[in-house]
């Protein structure tokens, strides 16, 4: 299981969307407990 702190661009992540692995495009932190995750789906 990946931790939020480990999210990096190009990482493949399961669980963001049901039945789909997404690829992380960017991660922007807001303080130490909130983040904005930009990702793409396999069909994008």
C-alpha atoms as a PDB file:
ATOM      1  CA  UNK A   1       0.000   0.000   0.000  1.00  0.00           C
ATOM      2  CA  UNK A   2       1.349   3.406  -0.954  1.00  0.00           C
ATOM      3  CA  UNK A   3       1.351   6.258   1.553  1.00  0.00           C
ATOM      4  CA  UNK A   4       0.352   9.778   0.537  1.00  0.00           C
ATOM      5  CA  UNK A   5       3.889  10.920   1.309  1.00  0.00           C
ATOM      6  CA  UNK A   6       5.178   8.471  -1.318  1.00  0.00           C
ATOM      7  CA  UNK A   7       3.102   9.799  -4.239  1.00  0.00           C
ATOM      8  CA  UNK A   8       5.388  10.946  -7.039  1.00  0.00           C
ATOM      9  CA  UNK A   9       4.785  11.827 -10.706  1.00  0.00           C
ATOM     10  CA  UNK A  10       4.549   8.751 -12.981  1.00  0.00           C
ATOM     11  CA  UNK A  11       3.543   6.460 -10.088  1.00  0.00           C
ATOM     12  CA  UNK A  12       0.796   3.964 -10.894  1.00  0.00           C
ATOM     13  CA  UNK A  13      -1.835   4.009  -8.143  1.00  0.00           C
ATOM     14  CA  UNK A  14      -4.811   1.742  -7.529  1.00  0.00           C
ATOM     15  CA  UNK A  15      -7.811   2.877  -5.443  1.00  0.00           C
ATOM     16  CA  UNK A  16      -8.272   6.448  -6.640  1.00  0.00           C
ATOM     17  CA  UNK A  17     -10.995   5.288  -9.040  1.00  0.00           C
ATOM     18  CA  UNK A  18     -12.839   1.977  -8.808  1.00  0.00           C
ATOM     19  CA  UNK A  19     -11.449  -0.798 -11.031  1.00  0.00           C
ATOM     20  CA  UNK A  20      -8.784   1.421 -12.576  1.00  0.00           C
ATOM     21  CA  UNK A  21      -5.098   2.154 -12.108  1.00  0.00           C
ATOM     22  CA  UNK A  22      -4.269   5.839 -12.546  1.00  0.00           C
ATOM     23  CA  UNK A  23      -0.924   7.509 -13.245  1.00  0.00           C
ATOM     24  CA  UNK A  24       0.099  10.429 -11.035  1.00  0.00           C
ATOM     25  CA  UNK A  25       0.763  13.622 -12.991  1.00  0.00           C
ATOM     26  CA  UNK A  26       1.452  15.949 -10.047  1.00  0.00           C
ATOM     27  CA  UNK A  27       1.055  16.252  -6.298  1.00  0.00           C
ATOM     28  CA  UNK A  28       0.716  19.600  -4.560  1.00  0.00           C
ATOM     29  CA  UNK A  29       0.726  19.663  -0.769  1.00  0.00           C
ATOM     30  CA  UNK A  30      -1.267  22.163   1.302  1.00  0.00           C
ATOM     31  CA  UNK A  31       0.316  21.966   4.724  1.00  0.00           C
ATOM     32  CA  UNK A  32       1.094  18.492   6.014  1.00  0.00           C
ATOM     33  CA  UNK A  33      -2.357  16.884   5.847  1.00  0.00           C
ATOM     34  CA  UNK A  34      -3.995  17.888   2.557  1.00  0.00           C
ATOM     35  CA  UNK A  35      -2.952  17.511  -1.053  1.00  0.00           C
ATOM     36  CA  UNK A  36      -4.178  18.029  -4.584  1.00  0.00           C
ATOM     37  CA  UNK A  37      -3.612  15.002  -6.785  1.00  0.00           C
ATOM     38  CA  UNK A  38      -3.633  15.370 -10.553  1.00  0.00           C
ATOM     39  CA  UNK A  39      -3.776  12.056 -12.394  1.00  0.00           C
ATOM     40  CA  UNK A  40      -4.586  10.510 -15.743  1.00  0.00           C
ATOM     41  CA  UNK A  41      -6.544   7.377 -16.515  1.00  0.00           C
ATOM     42  CA  UNK A  42      -5.359   4.675 -18.923  1.00  0.00           C
ATOM     43  CA  UNK A  43      -7.777   5.859 -21.620  1.00  0.00           C
ATOM     44  CA  UNK A  44      -6.605   9.491 -21.431  1.00  0.00           C
END
